[in-house]
Amino acid sequence: EDIEKDSSRIMNRLYAKDRPFKSAKNS
């Protein structure tokens, strides 16, 4: 959801301290 469709713009940028995650992510 951080990526705008078609335009390739990053609309939102969050970091691990603000977006902790439970399942594994791709590096």
PDB file of all heavy atoms in Angstrom:
ATOM      1  N   GLU A   1       0.808  -1.211   0.000  1.00  0.00           N
ATOM      2  CA  GLU A   1       0.000   0.000   0.000  1.00  0.00           C
ATOM      3  C   GLU A   1       0.850   1.274   0.000  1.00  0.00           C
ATOM      4  O   GLU A   1       0.333   2.372  -0.227  1.00  0.00           O
ATOM      5  CB  GLU A   1      -0.959   0.035   1.188  1.00  0.00           C
ATOM      6  CG  GLU A   1      -0.293   0.054   2.545  1.00  0.00           C
ATOM      7  CD  GLU A   1      -0.207  -1.326   3.186  1.00  0.00           C
ATOM      8  OE1 GLU A   1      -0.169  -2.315   2.428  1.00  0.00           O
ATOM      9  OE2 GLU A   1      -0.203  -1.398   4.425  1.00  0.00           O
ATOM     10  N   ASP A   2       2.154   1.131   0.253  1.00  0.00           N
ATOM     11  CA  ASP A   2       3.039   2.293   0.238  1.00  0.00           C
ATOM     12  C   ASP A   2       3.396   2.737  -1.186  1.00  0.00           C
ATOM     13  O   ASP A   2       3.938   3.834  -1.378  1.00  0.00           O
ATOM     14  CB  ASP A   2       4.343   1.991   0.987  1.00  0.00           C
ATOM     15  CG  ASP A   2       4.112   1.631   2.444  1.00  0.00           C
ATOM     16  OD1 ASP A   2       3.080   2.048   2.991  1.00  0.00           O
ATOM     17  OD2 ASP A   2       4.967   0.934   3.023  1.00  0.00           O
ATOM     18  N   ILE A   3       3.102   1.888  -2.167  1.00  0.00           N
ATOM     19  CA  ILE A   3       3.486   2.158  -3.553  1.00  0.00           C
ATOM     20  C   ILE A   3       2.262   2.587  -4.343  1.00  0.00           C
ATOM     21  O   ILE A   3       1.249   1.890  -4.355  1.00  0.00           O
ATOM     22  CB  ILE A   3       4.114   0.911  -4.209  1.00  0.00           C
ATOM     23  CG1 ILE A   3       5.272   0.381  -3.363  1.00  0.00           C
ATOM     24  CG2 ILE A   3       4.587   1.222  -5.621  1.00  0.00           C
ATOM     25  CD1 ILE A   3       5.818  -0.951  -3.845  1.00  0.00           C
ATOM     26  N   GLU A   4       2.346   3.716  -5.005  1.00  0.00           N
ATOM     27  CA  GLU A   4       1.238   4.173  -5.836  1.00  0.00           C
ATOM     28  C   GLU A   4       1.208   3.370  -7.136  1.00  0.00           C
ATOM     29  O   GLU A   4       2.254   3.114  -7.749  1.00  0.00           O
ATOM     30  CB  GLU A   4       1.407   5.664  -6.160  1.00  0.00           C
ATOM     31  CG  GLU A   4       0.226   6.258  -6.891  1.00  0.00           C
ATOM     32  CD  GLU A   4       0.382   7.755  -7.104  1.00  0.00           C
ATOM     33  OE1 GLU A   4       1.455   8.178  -7.593  1.00  0.00           O
ATOM     34  OE2 GLU A   4      -0.549   8.503  -6.760  1.00  0.00           O
ATOM     35  N   LYS A   5       0.017   2.961  -7.552  1.00  0.00           N
ATOM     36  CA  LYS A   5      -0.095   2.159  -8.769  1.00  0.00           C
ATOM     37  C   LYS A   5       0.372   2.958  -9.983  1.00  0.00           C
ATOM     38  O   LYS A   5       0.213   4.178 -10.054  1.00  0.00           O
ATOM     39  CB  LYS A   5      -1.531   1.673  -8.970  1.00  0.00           C
ATOM     40  CG  LYS A   5      -2.532   2.759  -9.314  1.00  0.00           C
ATOM     41  CD  LYS A   5      -3.889   2.160  -9.626  1.00  0.00           C
ATOM     42  CE  LYS A   5      -4.864   3.231 -10.099  1.00  0.00           C
ATOM     43  NZ  LYS A   5      -6.162   2.664 -10.488  1.00  0.00           N
ATOM     44  N   ASP A   6       0.984   2.261 -10.909  1.00  0.00           N
ATOM     45  CA  ASP A   6       1.459   2.801 -12.186  1.00  0.00           C
ATOM     46  C   ASP A   6       2.629   3.773 -12.061  1.00  0.00           C
ATOM     47  O   ASP A   6       3.592   3.677 -12.814  1.00  0.00           O
ATOM     48  CB  ASP A   6       0.323   3.490 -12.966  1.00  0.00           C
ATOM     49  CG  ASP A   6      -0.733   2.507 -13.445  1.00  0.00           C
ATOM     50  OD1 ASP A   6      -0.359   1.378 -13.800  1.00  0.00           O
ATOM     51  OD2 ASP A   6      -1.924   2.857 -13.440  1.00  0.00           O
ATOM     52  N   SER A   7       2.569   4.737 -11.122  1.00  0.00           N
ATOM     53  CA  SER A   7       3.562   5.810 -11.094  1.00  0.00           C
ATOM     54  C   SER A   7       4.902   5.412 -10.486  1.00  0.00           C
ATOM     55  O   SER A   7       5.904   6.093 -10.689  1.00  0.00           O
ATOM     56  CB  SER A   7       3.009   7.005 -10.313  1.00  0.00           C
ATOM     57  OG  SER A   7       2.981   6.734  -8.926  1.00  0.00           O
ATOM     58  N   SER A   8       4.913   4.332  -9.683  1.00  0.00           N
ATOM     59  CA  SER A   8       6.117   3.893  -8.955  1.00  0.00           C
ATOM     60  C   SER A   8       6.559   4.898  -7.889  1.00  0.00           C
ATOM     61  O   SER A   8       7.724   4.926  -7.493  1.00  0.00           O
ATOM     62  CB  SER A   8       7.288   3.619  -9.919  1.00  0.00           C
ATOM     63  OG  SER A   8       6.984   2.537 -10.769  1.00  0.00           O
ATOM     64  N   ARG A   9       5.635   5.714  -7.407  1.00  0.00           N
ATOM     65  CA  ARG A   9       5.957   6.634  -6.321  1.00  0.00           C
ATOM     66  C   ARG A   9       5.798   5.928  -4.980  1.00  0.00           C
ATOM     67  O   ARG A   9       4.856   5.179  -4.776  1.00  0.00           O
ATOM     68  CB  ARG A   9       5.011   7.841  -6.342  1.00  0.00           C
ATOM     69  CG  ARG A   9       5.114   8.738  -7.554  1.00  0.00           C
ATOM     70  CD  ARG A   9       4.070   9.833  -7.483  1.00  0.00           C
ATOM     71  NE  ARG A   9       3.960  10.576  -8.728  1.00  0.00           N
ATOM     72  CZ  ARG A   9       2.863  11.173  -9.157  1.00  0.00           C
ATOM     73  NH1 ARG A   9       1.763  11.107  -8.408  1.00  0.00           N
ATOM     74  NH2 ARG A   9       2.834  11.825 -10.298  1.00  0.00           N
ATOM     75  N   ILE A  10       6.740   6.207  -4.062  1.00  0.00           N
ATOM     76  CA  ILE A  10       6.611   5.744  -2.688  1.00  0.00           C
ATOM     77  C   ILE A  10       5.782   6.790  -1.948  1.00  0.00           C
ATOM     78  O   ILE A  10       6.226   7.924  -1.748  1.00  0.00           O
ATOM     79  CB  ILE A  10       7.986   5.565  -2.008  1.00  0.00           C
ATOM     80  CG1 ILE A  10       8.817   4.526  -2.768  1.00  0.00           C
ATOM     81  CG2 ILE A  10       7.806   5.134  -0.549  1.00  0.00           C
ATOM     82  CD1 ILE A  10       8.248   3.134  -2.757  1.00  0.00           C
ATOM     83  N   MET A  11       4.569   6.439  -1.547  1.00  0.00           N
ATOM     84  CA  MET A  11       3.660   7.395  -0.921  1.00  0.00           C
ATOM     85  C   MET A  11       3.826   7.463   0.586  1.00  0.00           C
ATOM     86  O   MET A  11       3.452   8.451   1.223  1.00  0.00           O
ATOM     87  CB  MET A  11       2.207   7.032  -1.259  1.00  0.00           C
ATOM     88  CG  MET A  11       1.894   7.021  -2.745  1.00  0.00           C
ATOM     89  SD  MET A  11       0.155   6.673  -3.064  1.00  0.00           S
ATOM     90  CE  MET A  11       0.030   5.003  -2.416  1.00  0.00           C
ATOM     91  N   ASN A  12       4.386   6.403   1.165  1.00  0.00           N
ATOM     92  CA  ASN A  12       4.517   6.340   2.620  1.00  0.00           C
ATOM     93  C   ASN A  12       5.766   5.542   2.957  1.00  0.00           C
ATOM     94  O   ASN A  12       6.019   4.504   2.336  1.00  0.00           O
ATOM     95  CB  ASN A  12       3.266   5.683   3.220  1.00  0.00           C
ATOM     96  CG  ASN A  12       3.228   5.788   4.721  1.00  0.00           C
ATOM     97  OD1 ASN A  12       3.697   6.761   5.298  1.00  0.00           O
ATOM     98  ND2 ASN A  12       2.652   4.788   5.372  1.00  0.00           N
ATOM     99  N   ARG A  13       6.547   6.017   3.897  1.00  0.00           N
ATOM    100  CA  ARG A  13       7.780   5.311   4.269  1.00  0.00           C
ATOM    101  C   ARG A  13       7.820   5.177   5.784  1.00  0.00           C
ATOM    102  O   ARG A  13       7.921   6.163   6.512  1.00  0.00           O
ATOM    103  CB  ARG A  13       8.999   6.091   3.767  1.00  0.00           C
ATOM    104  CG  ARG A  13      10.318   5.308   3.867  1.00  0.00           C
ATOM    105  CD  ARG A  13      11.468   6.183   3.393  1.00  0.00           C
ATOM    106  NE  ARG A  13      11.387   6.513   1.988  1.00  0.00           N
ATOM    107  CZ  ARG A  13      12.152   5.963   1.031  1.00  0.00           C
ATOM    108  NH1 ARG A  13      13.057   5.051   1.361  1.00  0.00           N
ATOM    109  NH2 ARG A  13      12.030   6.335  -0.222  1.00  0.00           N
ATOM    110  N   LEU A  14       7.715   3.930   6.239  1.00  0.00           N
ATOM    111  CA  LEU A  14       7.755   3.653   7.678  1.00  0.00           C
ATOM    112  C   LEU A  14       8.918   2.727   8.001  1.00  0.00           C
ATOM    113  O   LEU A  14       9.382   1.956   7.152  1.00  0.00           O
ATOM    114  CB  LEU A  14       6.437   3.013   8.132  1.00  0.00           C
ATOM    115  CG  LEU A  14       5.187   3.902   8.073  1.00  0.00           C
ATOM    116  CD1 LEU A  14       3.950   3.111   8.462  1.00  0.00           C
ATOM    117  CD2 LEU A  14       5.343   5.121   8.981  1.00  0.00           C
ATOM    118  N   TYR A  15       9.347   2.801   9.261  1.00  0.00           N
ATOM    119  CA  TYR A  15      10.495   2.017   9.700  1.00  0.00           C
ATOM    120  C   TYR A  15      10.060   1.035  10.772  1.00  0.00           C
ATOM    121  O   TYR A  15       8.956   1.124  11.324  1.00  0.00           O
ATOM    122  CB  TYR A  15      11.596   2.949  10.185  1.00  0.00           C
ATOM    123  CG  TYR A  15      12.051   3.891   9.093  1.00  0.00           C
ATOM    124  CD1 TYR A  15      11.434   5.143   8.931  1.00  0.00           C
ATOM    125  CD2 TYR A  15      13.044   3.532   8.194  1.00  0.00           C
ATOM    126  CE1 TYR A  15      11.820   6.001   7.912  1.00  0.00           C
ATOM    127  CE2 TYR A  15      13.441   4.386   7.171  1.00  0.00           C
ATOM    128  CZ  TYR A  15      12.821   5.618   7.035  1.00  0.00           C
ATOM    129  OH  TYR A  15      13.191   6.451   6.013  1.00  0.00           O
ATOM    130  N   ALA A  16      10.945   0.101  11.081  1.00  0.00           N
ATOM    131  CA  ALA A  16      10.595  -1.003  11.980  1.00  0.00           C
ATOM    132  C   ALA A  16      10.102  -0.519  13.340  1.00  0.00           C
ATOM    133  O   ALA A  16       9.227  -1.136  13.949  1.00  0.00           O
ATOM    134  CB  ALA A  16      11.792  -1.929  12.145  1.00  0.00           C
ATOM    135  N   LYS A  17      10.641   0.600  13.839  1.00  0.00           N
ATOM    136  CA  LYS A  17      10.201   1.098  15.144  1.00  0.00           C
ATOM    137  C   LYS A  17       8.742   1.542  15.108  1.00  0.00           C
ATOM    138  O   LYS A  17       8.049   1.510  16.137  1.00  0.00           O
ATOM    139  CB  LYS A  17      11.093   2.262  15.590  1.00  0.00           C
ATOM    140  CG  LYS A  17      11.070   3.465  14.666  1.00  0.00           C
ATOM    141  CD  LYS A  17      12.024   4.553  15.149  1.00  0.00           C
ATOM    142  CE  LYS A  17      12.019   5.741  14.173  1.00  0.00           C
ATOM    143  NZ  LYS A  17      12.975   6.794  14.596  1.00  0.00           N
ATOM    144  N   ASP A  18       8.261   1.963  13.933  1.00  0.00           N
ATOM    145  CA  ASP A  18       6.876   2.404  13.786  1.00  0.00           C
ATOM    146  C   ASP A  18       5.980   1.335  13.158  1.00  0.00           C
ATOM    147  O   ASP A  18       4.762   1.437  13.210  1.00  0.00           O
ATOM    148  CB  ASP A  18       6.807   3.664  12.909  1.00  0.00           C
ATOM    149  CG  ASP A  18       7.656   4.792  13.473  1.00  0.00           C
ATOM    150  OD1 ASP A  18       7.512   5.068  14.683  1.00  0.00           O
ATOM    151  OD2 ASP A  18       8.461   5.365  12.715  1.00  0.00           O
ATOM    152  N   ARG A  19       6.606   0.342  12.545  1.00  0.00           N
ATOM    153  CA  ARG A  19       5.851  -0.714  11.881  1.00  0.00           C
ATOM    154  C   ARG A  19       6.450  -2.076  12.233  1.00  0.00           C
ATOM    155  O   ARG A  19       7.033  -2.761  11.387  1.00  0.00           O
ATOM    156  CB  ARG A  19       5.861  -0.479  10.365  1.00  0.00           C
ATOM    157  CG  ARG A  19       5.015  -1.445   9.575  1.00  0.00           C
ATOM    158  CD  ARG A  19       5.119  -1.151   8.079  1.00  0.00           C
ATOM    159  NE  ARG A  19       4.026  -0.320   7.590  1.00  0.00           N
ATOM    160  CZ  ARG A  19       3.967   0.221   6.387  1.00  0.00           C
ATOM    161  NH1 ARG A  19       4.967   0.038   5.538  1.00  0.00           N
ATOM    162  NH2 ARG A  19       2.927   0.955   6.020  1.00  0.00           N
ATOM    163  N   PRO A  20       6.339  -2.477  13.498  1.00  0.00           N
ATOM    164  CA  PRO A  20       6.852  -3.798  13.881  1.00  0.00           C
ATOM    165  C   PRO A  20       6.055  -4.884  13.159  1.00  0.00           C
ATOM    166  O   PRO A  20       4.868  -4.726  12.898  1.00  0.00           O
ATOM    167  CB  PRO A  20       6.631  -3.840  15.386  1.00  0.00           C
ATOM    168  CG  PRO A  20       5.531  -2.866  15.642  1.00  0.00           C
ATOM    169  CD  PRO A  20       5.686  -1.779  14.628  1.00  0.00           C
ATOM    170  N   PHE A  21       6.720  -5.985  12.832  1.00  0.00           N
ATOM    171  CA  PHE A  21       6.042  -7.046  12.073  1.00  0.00           C
ATOM    172  C   PHE A  21       6.259  -8.397  12.732  1.00  0.00           C
ATOM    173  O   PHE A  21       7.238  -8.620  13.444  1.00  0.00           O
ATOM    174  CB  PHE A  21       6.525  -7.061  10.616  1.00  0.00           C
ATOM    175  CG  PHE A  21       8.022  -7.129  10.453  1.00  0.00           C
ATOM    176  CD1 PHE A  21       8.679  -8.344  10.357  1.00  0.00           C
ATOM    177  CD2 PHE A  21       8.783  -5.962  10.402  1.00  0.00           C
ATOM    178  CE1 PHE A  21      10.056  -8.409  10.200  1.00  0.00           C
ATOM    179  CE2 PHE A  21      10.163  -6.005  10.245  1.00  0.00           C
ATOM    180  CZ  PHE A  21      10.800  -7.245  10.146  1.00  0.00           C
ATOM    181  N   LYS A  22       5.316  -9.296  12.502  1.00  0.00           N
ATOM    182  CA  LYS A  22       5.375 -10.627  13.104  1.00  0.00           C
ATOM    183  C   LYS A  22       5.908 -11.667  12.113  1.00  0.00           C
ATOM    184  O   LYS A  22       6.801 -12.430  12.434  1.00  0.00           O
ATOM    185  CB  LYS A  22       3.989 -11.033  13.592  1.00  0.00           C
ATOM    186  CG  LYS A  22       3.480 -10.180  14.750  1.00  0.00           C
ATOM    187  CD  LYS A  22       2.107 -10.644  15.214  1.00  0.00           C
ATOM    188  CE  LYS A  22       1.607  -9.765  16.370  1.00  0.00           C
ATOM    189  NZ  LYS A  22       0.242 -10.193  16.822  1.00  0.00           N
ATOM    190  N   SER A  23       5.323 -11.710  10.917  1.00  0.00           N
ATOM    191  CA  SER A  23       5.769 -12.701   9.934  1.00  0.00           C
ATOM    192  C   SER A  23       7.045 -12.218   9.248  1.00  0.00           C
ATOM    193  O   SER A  23       7.343 -11.028   9.198  1.00  0.00           O
ATOM    194  CB  SER A  23       4.677 -12.939   8.895  1.00  0.00           C
ATOM    195  OG  SER A  23       4.306 -11.736   8.275  1.00  0.00           O
ATOM    196  N   ALA A  24       7.795 -13.177   8.710  1.00  0.00           N
ATOM    197  CA  ALA A  24       9.065 -12.861   8.063  1.00  0.00           C
ATOM    198  C   ALA A  24       8.850 -11.982   6.837  1.00  0.00           C
ATOM    199  O   ALA A  24       7.812 -12.048   6.172  1.00  0.00           O
ATOM    200  CB  ALA A  24       9.769 -14.142   7.657  1.00  0.00           C
ATOM    201  N   LYS A  25       9.844 -11.142   6.548  1.00  0.00           N
ATOM    202  CA  LYS A  25       9.800 -10.242   5.395  1.00  0.00           C
ATOM    203  C   LYS A  25      10.913 -10.590   4.414  1.00  0.00           C
ATOM    204  O   LYS A  25      11.914 -11.219   4.789  1.00  0.00           O
ATOM    205  CB  LYS A  25       9.985  -8.786   5.849  1.00  0.00           C
ATOM    206  CG  LYS A  25       8.937  -8.278   6.841  1.00  0.00           C
ATOM    207  CD  LYS A  25       7.613  -8.029   6.172  1.00  0.00           C
ATOM    208  CE  LYS A  25       6.620  -7.398   7.120  1.00  0.00           C
ATOM    209  NZ  LYS A  25       5.285  -7.225   6.498  1.00  0.00           N
ATOM    210  N   ASN A  26      10.751 -10.157   3.170  1.00  0.00           N
ATOM    211  CA  ASN A  26      11.824 -10.290   2.188  1.00  0.00           C
ATOM    212  C   ASN A  26      12.828  -9.153   2.375  1.00  0.00           C
ATOM    213  O   ASN A  26      12.431  -7.999   2.526  1.00  0.00           O
ATOM    214  CB  ASN A  26      11.267 -10.239   0.765  1.00  0.00           C
ATOM    215  CG  ASN A  26      10.539 -11.517   0.385  1.00  0.00           C
ATOM    216  OD1 ASN A  26      10.776 -12.574   0.963  1.00  0.00           O
ATOM    217  ND2 ASN A  26       9.656 -11.428  -0.597  1.00  0.00           N
ATOM    218  N   SER A  27      14.081  -9.486   2.354  1.00  0.00           N
ATOM    219  CA  SER A  27      15.128  -8.478   2.484  1.00  0.00           C
ATOM    220  C   SER A  27      15.503  -7.941   1.107  1.00  0.00           C
ATOM    221  O   SER A  27      15.514  -8.682   0.124  1.00  0.00           O
ATOM    222  CB  SER A  27      16.361  -9.100   3.143  1.00  0.00           C
ATOM    223  OG  SER A  27      17.435  -8.183   3.180  1.00  0.00           O
TER     224      SER A  27
END
